[in-house]
Amino acid sequence: MKLIVAYIQPHALNDVKQELYREKVYKLSVTNALGCGQQKGYTEHYRGVEIEVNLLKKVRIEVAVNDNFVKPTVDAIVKGARSGDIGDGKIFVLPIEETIRIRTGETGTEAVG
C-alpha cells in the first residue's frame, strides 16, 4: 500500500481528476496549499509598494492505493498536470504501514479498496 501525495497547479485539478477516473481511481483527498519551489514566486506592486509573492497557490492531492495501482495513479496525475512549464508540481510516493476502515474494521489492502 502506498500514499501518493501530489502538488499541482489549481487549474490542472479537473484534468487530473478525469485522468484518475479513467484509471478507476475514485478515492482522493484534495486540499488547497501554498508553496514555492523552483518558480520562486513573482513581484507585484500594491498601492505603490513592491511586494514579493513567493508562496503560490497549489493543490495537494492525496491518494491511498494498493501496490498494483501506484504506476497507473502516478501516470494519470502526470498526464493531467503536465504542461511542460516550470511549476507543474511534484509527486511523492510514501509507504503505508497499516490501513483500517473505521466502518467495517477491515484492515490492509481490503481497507484501501
Protein backbone atom coordinates (compact mmCIF):
# COMPACT_ATOMS: atom_id res chain seq x y z
CA MET A 1 0.00 0.00 0.00
CA LYS A 2 1.22 3.48 -0.87
CA LEU A 3 0.19 7.04 -0.21
CA ILE A 4 0.62 9.25 -3.26
CA VAL A 5 0.88 12.96 -2.49
CA ALA A 6 0.90 15.37 -5.41
CA TYR A 7 1.21 19.14 -5.50
CA ILE A 8 -0.19 20.57 -8.74
CA GLN A 9 -1.40 23.83 -10.25
CA PRO A 10 -5.02 24.61 -9.26
CA HIS A 11 -6.15 24.91 -12.89
CA ALA A 12 -4.98 21.33 -13.57
CA LEU A 13 -7.21 19.75 -10.92
CA ASN A 14 -10.12 18.86 -13.22
CA ASP A 15 -7.80 17.29 -15.81
CA VAL A 16 -6.05 15.25 -13.12
CA LYS A 17 -9.38 14.06 -11.68
CA GLN A 18 -10.57 12.99 -15.14
CA GLU A 19 -7.35 11.05 -15.74
CA LEU A 20 -7.62 9.37 -12.34
CA TYR A 21 -11.23 8.37 -13.05
CA ARG A 22 -10.14 6.85 -16.38
CA GLU A 23 -7.72 4.68 -14.40
CA LYS A 24 -10.52 3.68 -12.00
CA VAL A 25 -9.02 5.67 -9.10
CA TYR A 26 -12.01 7.31 -7.43
CA LYS A 27 -10.94 7.91 -3.82
CA LEU A 28 -8.86 11.02 -3.22
CA SER A 29 -8.47 13.99 -0.92
CA VAL A 30 -7.89 17.49 -2.23
CA THR A 31 -6.57 20.40 -0.15
CA ASN A 32 -5.64 23.95 -1.08
CA ALA A 33 -2.00 24.66 -0.30
CA LEU A 34 0.58 27.42 -0.58
CA GLY A 35 4.16 26.74 -1.55
CA CYS A 36 7.13 27.61 -3.65
CA GLY A 37 9.75 25.69 -5.48
CA GLN A 38 11.88 26.40 -8.48
CA GLN A 39 9.38 29.05 -9.62
CA LYS A 40 10.39 31.26 -6.69
CA GLY A 41 7.26 33.42 -7.00
CA TYR A 42 6.88 36.86 -8.51
CA THR A 43 6.77 40.54 -7.55
CA GLU A 44 3.84 42.92 -7.87
CA HIS A 45 3.03 46.48 -6.90
CA TYR A 46 0.23 47.23 -4.45
CA ARG A 47 -0.51 50.85 -3.62
CA GLY A 48 2.93 51.89 -4.77
CA VAL A 49 4.76 49.28 -2.72
CA GLU A 50 6.61 46.40 -4.32
CA ILE A 51 5.58 43.09 -2.79
CA GLU A 52 7.35 39.79 -3.32
CA VAL A 53 4.90 36.90 -3.56
CA ASN A 54 6.83 33.67 -3.12
CA LEU A 55 4.10 31.41 -1.74
CA LEU A 56 1.97 30.44 -4.72
CA LYS A 57 -1.39 28.69 -4.76
CA LYS A 58 -1.17 24.94 -5.26
CA VAL A 59 -3.49 21.99 -4.81
CA ARG A 60 -2.45 18.98 -2.73
CA ILE A 61 -3.91 15.64 -3.78
CA GLU A 62 -3.62 12.57 -1.56
CA VAL A 63 -4.49 9.12 -2.87
CA ALA A 64 -4.03 5.86 -0.94
CA VAL A 65 -3.70 2.92 -3.33
CA ASN A 66 -2.73 -0.72 -3.33
CA ASP A 67 0.63 -1.53 -4.90
CA ASN A 68 -0.81 -2.53 -8.30
CA PHE A 69 -2.42 0.93 -8.67
CA VAL A 70 0.72 3.02 -7.96
CA LYS A 71 2.00 3.32 -11.54
CA PRO A 72 -1.41 3.98 -13.16
CA THR A 73 -2.17 6.61 -10.49
CA VAL A 74 1.17 8.40 -10.88
CA ASP A 75 0.89 8.26 -14.69
CA ALA A 76 -2.63 9.71 -14.55
CA ILE A 77 -1.52 12.61 -12.34
CA VAL A 78 1.41 13.37 -14.63
CA LYS A 79 -0.79 13.21 -17.73
CA GLY A 80 -3.39 15.54 -16.25
CA ALA A 81 -0.99 18.04 -14.67
CA ARG A 82 1.89 18.31 -17.15
CA SER A 83 2.07 21.49 -19.19
CA GLY A 84 5.82 21.44 -19.69
CA ASP A 85 6.24 24.74 -17.83
CA ILE A 86 8.10 25.30 -14.60
CA GLY A 87 5.81 24.85 -11.59
CA ASP A 88 3.78 21.88 -12.87
CA GLY A 89 4.25 20.22 -9.49
CA LYS A 90 5.70 17.25 -7.66
CA ILE A 91 4.57 13.74 -6.74
CA PHE A 92 5.70 11.83 -3.66
CA VAL A 93 5.08 8.11 -3.12
CA LEU A 94 5.16 7.03 0.53
CA PRO A 95 4.70 3.61 2.14
CA ILE A 96 1.64 2.99 4.29
CA GLU A 97 2.22 0.77 7.30
CA GLU A 98 -1.41 -0.03 8.02
CA THR A 99 -4.88 0.97 6.93
CA ILE A 100 -8.10 0.46 8.88
CA ARG A 101 -11.59 1.14 7.56
CA ILE A 102 -13.49 2.56 10.52
CA ARG A 103 -16.97 1.50 9.40
CA THR A 104 -16.21 -2.22 8.93
CA GLY A 105 -12.96 -2.78 10.78
CA GLU A 106 -11.29 -4.10 7.61
CA THR A 107 -7.51 -3.77 7.55
CA GLY A 108 -4.75 -3.80 4.97
CA THR A 109 -5.41 -3.84 1.24
CA GLU A 110 -9.14 -4.54 1.73
CA ALA A 111 -9.47 -1.26 3.66
CA VAL A 112 -7.84 0.76 0.88
CA GLY A 113 -10.25 -0.61 -1.71
